[in-house]
């Protein structure tokens, strides 16, 4: 899986919608995130960055910032896992003692 960071020139919401629609139609995309302040688009999945850039350049200026492996999800530490063991206990059956008194 790859993580591709693109520098996309987004001026307004209409272009942002076109970018999202175009990128989401590409095959192999697993997640998309846009940072509008820094004008960066991050794509994660099995994608071809050249194909993504060529599709986006039709309506906005796009540059590739970085291409690399995606960050793996953090696994839980062994300290955080609660281990449970079966609790076996022995219960003695209740014994009733009957005393017979003859009067």
N, C-alpha and C. Protein backbone atom coordinates (compact mmCIF):
# COMPACT_ATOMS: atom_id res chain seq x y z
N UNK A 1 0.84 -1.17 0.00
CA UNK A 1 0.00 0.00 0.00
C UNK A 1 0.89 1.24 0.00
N UNK A 2 0.47 2.25 -0.75
CA UNK A 2 1.23 3.48 -0.87
C UNK A 2 0.50 4.65 -0.24
N UNK A 3 1.29 5.63 0.14
CA UNK A 3 0.74 6.91 0.58
C UNK A 3 1.31 7.98 -0.35
N UNK A 4 0.43 8.68 -1.06
CA UNK A 4 0.83 9.69 -2.03
C UNK A 4 0.34 11.04 -1.52
N UNK A 5 1.27 11.99 -1.41
CA UNK A 5 0.93 13.36 -1.00
C UNK A 5 1.07 14.26 -2.21
N UNK A 6 0.00 14.97 -2.53
CA UNK A 6 -0.03 15.87 -3.70
C UNK A 6 -0.28 17.29 -3.24
N UNK A 7 0.36 18.23 -3.92
CA UNK A 7 0.11 19.64 -3.70
C UNK A 7 -0.91 20.07 -4.74
N UNK A 8 -2.13 20.39 -4.30
CA UNK A 8 -3.24 20.70 -5.20
C UNK A 8 -3.66 22.15 -4.97
N UNK A 9 -3.79 22.91 -6.06
CA UNK A 9 -4.18 24.31 -5.98
C UNK A 9 -5.70 24.41 -5.94
N UNK A 10 -6.26 24.47 -4.74
CA UNK A 10 -7.71 24.52 -4.54
C UNK A 10 -8.10 25.96 -4.20
N UNK A 11 -8.91 26.58 -5.07
CA UNK A 11 -9.32 27.97 -4.87
C UNK A 11 -10.66 28.08 -4.16
N UNK A 12 -11.60 27.19 -4.49
CA UNK A 12 -12.94 27.29 -3.93
C UNK A 12 -13.52 25.91 -3.68
N UNK A 13 -14.74 25.89 -3.17
CA UNK A 13 -15.39 24.62 -2.84
C UNK A 13 -15.76 23.80 -4.08
N UNK A 14 -16.03 24.48 -5.18
CA UNK A 14 -16.39 23.76 -6.40
C UNK A 14 -15.21 22.92 -6.90
N UNK A 15 -14.01 23.48 -6.87
CA UNK A 15 -12.83 22.72 -7.27
C UNK A 15 -12.55 21.60 -6.27
N UNK A 16 -12.78 21.87 -5.01
CA UNK A 16 -12.59 20.84 -3.98
C UNK A 16 -13.51 19.65 -4.23
N UNK A 17 -14.77 19.92 -4.59
CA UNK A 17 -15.71 18.84 -4.90
C UNK A 17 -15.27 18.06 -6.13
N UNK A 18 -14.76 18.74 -7.15
CA UNK A 18 -14.27 18.05 -8.34
C UNK A 18 -13.08 17.17 -8.02
N UNK A 19 -12.18 17.67 -7.16
CA UNK A 19 -11.00 16.90 -6.76
C UNK A 19 -11.44 15.64 -6.03
N UNK A 20 -12.34 15.77 -5.09
CA UNK A 20 -12.81 14.61 -4.31
C UNK A 20 -13.52 13.60 -5.21
N UNK A 21 -14.34 14.09 -6.13
CA UNK A 21 -15.07 13.18 -7.02
C UNK A 21 -14.12 12.45 -7.95
N UNK A 22 -13.13 13.15 -8.49
CA UNK A 22 -12.17 12.54 -9.40
C UNK A 22 -11.30 11.51 -8.69
N UNK A 23 -10.81 11.87 -7.52
CA UNK A 23 -9.93 10.97 -6.78
C UNK A 23 -10.68 9.75 -6.28
N UNK A 24 -11.90 9.92 -5.84
CA UNK A 24 -12.66 8.78 -5.33
C UNK A 24 -13.06 7.81 -6.43
N UNK A 25 -13.05 8.28 -7.69
CA UNK A 25 -13.40 7.38 -8.80
C UNK A 25 -12.22 6.51 -9.24
N UNK A 26 -11.01 6.83 -8.79
CA UNK A 26 -9.83 6.03 -9.14
C UNK A 26 -9.89 4.68 -8.43
N UNK A 27 -9.40 3.66 -9.11
CA UNK A 27 -9.42 2.33 -8.51
C UNK A 27 -8.24 2.17 -7.55
N UNK A 28 -8.45 1.48 -6.45
CA UNK A 28 -7.40 1.20 -5.49
C UNK A 28 -7.31 2.19 -4.34
N UNK A 29 -8.13 3.22 -4.33
CA UNK A 29 -8.10 4.23 -3.28
C UNK A 29 -8.77 3.67 -2.03
N UNK A 30 -8.08 3.77 -0.89
CA UNK A 30 -8.66 3.33 0.38
C UNK A 30 -9.03 4.51 1.26
N UNK A 31 -8.24 5.57 1.24
CA UNK A 31 -8.61 6.76 2.02
C UNK A 31 -8.09 8.02 1.33
N UNK A 32 -8.83 9.11 1.54
CA UNK A 32 -8.49 10.40 0.96
C UNK A 32 -8.62 11.44 2.06
N UNK A 33 -7.63 12.33 2.15
CA UNK A 33 -7.74 13.44 3.10
C UNK A 33 -7.20 14.71 2.44
N UNK A 34 -7.87 15.83 2.72
CA UNK A 34 -7.48 17.12 2.15
C UNK A 34 -7.20 18.09 3.29
N UNK A 35 -6.07 18.77 3.19
CA UNK A 35 -5.74 19.86 4.10
C UNK A 35 -5.83 21.14 3.27
N UNK A 36 -6.92 21.89 3.45
CA UNK A 36 -7.16 23.05 2.60
C UNK A 36 -6.23 24.22 2.92
N UNK A 37 -5.76 24.31 4.15
CA UNK A 37 -4.86 25.41 4.50
C UNK A 37 -3.50 25.24 3.83
N UNK A 38 -2.97 24.03 3.86
CA UNK A 38 -1.68 23.76 3.24
C UNK A 38 -1.81 23.31 1.78
N UNK A 39 -3.06 23.13 1.34
CA UNK A 39 -3.36 22.70 -0.04
C UNK A 39 -2.69 21.37 -0.36
N UNK A 40 -2.85 20.41 0.53
CA UNK A 40 -2.26 19.09 0.32
C UNK A 40 -3.36 18.03 0.30
N UNK A 41 -3.20 17.09 -0.60
CA UNK A 41 -4.13 15.97 -0.75
C UNK A 41 -3.34 14.70 -0.48
N UNK A 42 -3.82 13.88 0.44
CA UNK A 42 -3.15 12.63 0.78
C UNK A 42 -4.02 11.47 0.36
N UNK A 43 -3.46 10.59 -0.47
CA UNK A 43 -4.16 9.41 -0.95
C UNK A 43 -3.47 8.17 -0.39
N UNK A 44 -4.25 7.22 0.06
CA UNK A 44 -3.70 5.97 0.57
C UNK A 44 -4.38 4.81 -0.13
N UNK A 45 -3.57 3.84 -0.58
CA UNK A 45 -4.11 2.67 -1.24
C UNK A 45 -3.16 2.15 -2.29
N UNK A 46 -3.68 1.28 -3.12
CA UNK A 46 -2.90 0.71 -4.23
C UNK A 46 -3.19 1.55 -5.47
N UNK A 47 -2.45 2.64 -5.62
CA UNK A 47 -2.75 3.60 -6.67
C UNK A 47 -1.49 3.92 -7.50
N UNK A 48 -1.74 4.45 -8.69
CA UNK A 48 -0.68 4.93 -9.55
C UNK A 48 -0.64 6.45 -9.42
N UNK A 49 0.42 7.03 -8.85
CA UNK A 49 0.45 8.47 -8.65
C UNK A 49 0.42 9.27 -9.96
N UNK A 50 1.00 8.73 -11.02
CA UNK A 50 1.01 9.42 -12.31
C UNK A 50 -0.40 9.53 -12.86
N UNK A 51 -1.17 8.47 -12.73
CA UNK A 51 -2.56 8.48 -13.20
C UNK A 51 -3.39 9.48 -12.40
N UNK A 52 -3.17 9.53 -11.09
CA UNK A 52 -3.92 10.45 -10.25
C UNK A 52 -3.60 11.90 -10.61
N UNK A 53 -2.32 12.19 -10.82
CA UNK A 53 -1.92 13.56 -11.17
C UNK A 53 -2.47 13.95 -12.53
N UNK A 54 -2.42 13.05 -13.49
CA UNK A 54 -2.92 13.38 -14.84
C UNK A 54 -4.42 13.66 -14.84
N UNK A 55 -5.17 12.95 -14.00
CA UNK A 55 -6.62 13.21 -13.90
C UNK A 55 -6.89 14.55 -13.24
N UNK A 56 -6.10 14.90 -12.21
CA UNK A 56 -6.34 16.15 -11.47
C UNK A 56 -5.86 17.38 -12.23
N UNK A 57 -4.88 17.25 -13.08
CA UNK A 57 -4.35 18.40 -13.82
C UNK A 57 -5.32 18.93 -14.87
N UNK A 58 -6.40 18.24 -15.12
CA UNK A 58 -7.38 18.70 -16.10
C UNK A 58 -8.10 19.96 -15.63
N UNK A 59 -8.22 20.16 -14.30
CA UNK A 59 -8.93 21.33 -13.81
C UNK A 59 -8.22 22.09 -12.70
N UNK A 60 -7.04 21.63 -12.22
CA UNK A 60 -6.29 22.40 -11.24
C UNK A 60 -4.81 22.01 -11.31
N UNK A 61 -3.97 22.91 -10.85
CA UNK A 61 -2.53 22.66 -10.85
C UNK A 61 -2.20 21.65 -9.75
N UNK A 62 -1.47 20.59 -10.12
CA UNK A 62 -1.16 19.50 -9.19
C UNK A 62 0.30 19.12 -9.30
N UNK A 63 0.96 18.94 -8.15
CA UNK A 63 2.34 18.48 -8.09
C UNK A 63 2.46 17.34 -7.08
N UNK A 64 3.37 16.43 -7.35
CA UNK A 64 3.63 15.33 -6.42
C UNK A 64 4.63 15.81 -5.37
N UNK A 65 4.27 15.66 -4.10
CA UNK A 65 5.15 16.03 -3.01
C UNK A 65 5.96 14.82 -2.56
N UNK A 66 5.28 13.71 -2.31
CA UNK A 66 5.99 12.50 -1.88
C UNK A 66 5.17 11.26 -2.20
N UNK A 67 5.91 10.16 -2.40
CA UNK A 67 5.30 8.85 -2.62
C UNK A 67 6.09 7.88 -1.75
N UNK A 68 5.39 7.09 -0.96
CA UNK A 68 6.08 6.14 -0.10
C UNK A 68 5.12 5.15 0.49
N UNK A 69 5.63 4.25 1.31
CA UNK A 69 4.75 3.28 1.95
C UNK A 69 3.87 3.97 2.99
N UNK A 70 2.67 3.47 3.13
CA UNK A 70 1.77 4.06 4.12
C UNK A 70 2.20 3.64 5.51
N UNK A 71 1.84 4.45 6.47
CA UNK A 71 2.19 4.14 7.85
C UNK A 71 1.28 3.01 8.35
N UNK A 72 1.88 1.98 8.92
CA UNK A 72 1.03 0.89 9.43
C UNK A 72 0.27 1.33 10.67
N UNK A 73 -0.88 0.74 10.85
CA UNK A 73 -1.69 1.06 12.02
C UNK A 73 -0.98 0.53 13.25
N UNK A 74 -1.09 1.29 14.33
CA UNK A 74 -0.44 0.89 15.57
C UNK A 74 -1.17 -0.30 16.19
N UNK A 75 -0.40 -1.26 16.60
CA UNK A 75 -0.98 -2.42 17.26
C UNK A 75 -0.98 -2.19 18.76
N UNK A 76 -1.86 -2.84 19.43
CA UNK A 76 -1.93 -2.70 20.88
C UNK A 76 -0.70 -3.33 21.51
N UNK A 77 -0.23 -2.68 22.54
CA UNK A 77 0.92 -3.21 23.25
C UNK A 77 0.47 -4.38 24.12
N UNK A 78 1.42 -5.21 24.47
CA UNK A 78 1.08 -6.37 25.29
C UNK A 78 0.63 -5.94 26.69
N UNK A 79 1.03 -4.75 27.12
CA UNK A 79 0.61 -4.26 28.43
C UNK A 79 -0.87 -3.91 28.44
N UNK A 80 -1.38 -3.47 27.29
CA UNK A 80 -2.77 -3.03 27.21
C UNK A 80 -3.76 -4.18 27.12
N UNK A 81 -3.28 -5.36 26.79
CA UNK A 81 -4.17 -6.49 26.61
C UNK A 81 -4.45 -7.11 27.97
N UNK A 82 -5.70 -7.28 28.26
CA UNK A 82 -6.10 -7.89 29.52
C UNK A 82 -6.18 -9.39 29.32
N UNK A 83 -5.40 -10.10 30.09
CA UNK A 83 -5.42 -11.56 29.99
C UNK A 83 -6.41 -12.10 31.00
N UNK A 84 -7.24 -12.97 30.53
CA UNK A 84 -8.21 -13.58 31.42
C UNK A 84 -7.97 -15.08 31.47
N UNK A 85 -8.02 -15.61 32.65
CA UNK A 85 -7.84 -17.03 32.84
C UNK A 85 -9.13 -17.60 33.41
N UNK A 86 -9.46 -18.80 33.04
CA UNK A 86 -10.66 -19.39 33.62
C UNK A 86 -10.47 -19.61 35.11
N UNK A 87 -11.48 -19.33 35.85
CA UNK A 87 -11.42 -19.47 37.30
C UNK A 87 -12.21 -20.72 37.69
N UNK A 88 -11.50 -21.71 38.11
CA UNK A 88 -12.13 -22.95 38.54
C UNK A 88 -12.15 -23.00 40.05
N UNK A 89 -13.26 -23.34 40.57
CA UNK A 89 -13.34 -23.49 42.01
C UNK A 89 -14.13 -24.76 42.31
N UNK A 90 -13.86 -25.28 43.47
CA UNK A 90 -14.49 -26.54 43.85
C UNK A 90 -15.58 -26.24 44.87
N UNK A 91 -16.76 -26.67 44.54
CA UNK A 91 -17.88 -26.48 45.44
C UNK A 91 -18.27 -27.84 45.99
N UNK A 92 -18.26 -27.92 47.29
CA UNK A 92 -18.68 -29.17 47.90
C UNK A 92 -20.19 -29.17 47.99
N UNK A 93 -20.78 -30.28 47.66
CA UNK A 93 -22.24 -30.33 47.72
C UNK A 93 -22.72 -30.21 49.17
N UNK A 94 -23.85 -29.61 49.30
CA UNK A 94 -24.41 -29.44 50.63
C UNK A 94 -24.84 -30.80 51.17
N UNK A 95 -24.43 -31.07 52.36
CA UNK A 95 -24.78 -32.35 52.97
C UNK A 95 -25.83 -32.10 54.05
N UNK A 96 -26.87 -32.87 53.96
CA UNK A 96 -27.91 -32.78 54.96
C UNK A 96 -27.75 -33.95 55.92
N UNK A 97 -27.69 -33.64 57.17
CA UNK A 97 -27.56 -34.69 58.19
C UNK A 97 -28.91 -34.81 58.86
N UNK A 98 -29.41 -36.00 58.81
CA UNK A 98 -30.69 -36.24 59.45
C UNK A 98 -30.45 -37.05 60.71
N UNK A 99 -30.93 -36.55 61.77
CA UNK A 99 -30.87 -37.28 63.04
C UNK A 99 -32.28 -37.75 63.34
N UNK A 100 -32.36 -38.98 63.64
CA UNK A 100 -33.65 -39.54 64.01
C UNK A 100 -33.68 -39.72 65.52
N UNK A 101 -34.63 -39.14 66.11
CA UNK A 101 -34.82 -39.29 67.54
C UNK A 101 -36.08 -40.13 67.75
N UNK A 102 -35.88 -41.15 68.50
CA UNK A 102 -37.04 -41.97 68.85
C UNK A 102 -37.48 -41.61 70.25
N UNK A 103 -38.66 -41.34 70.34
CA UNK A 103 -39.18 -41.00 71.65
C UNK A 103 -40.04 -42.10 72.18
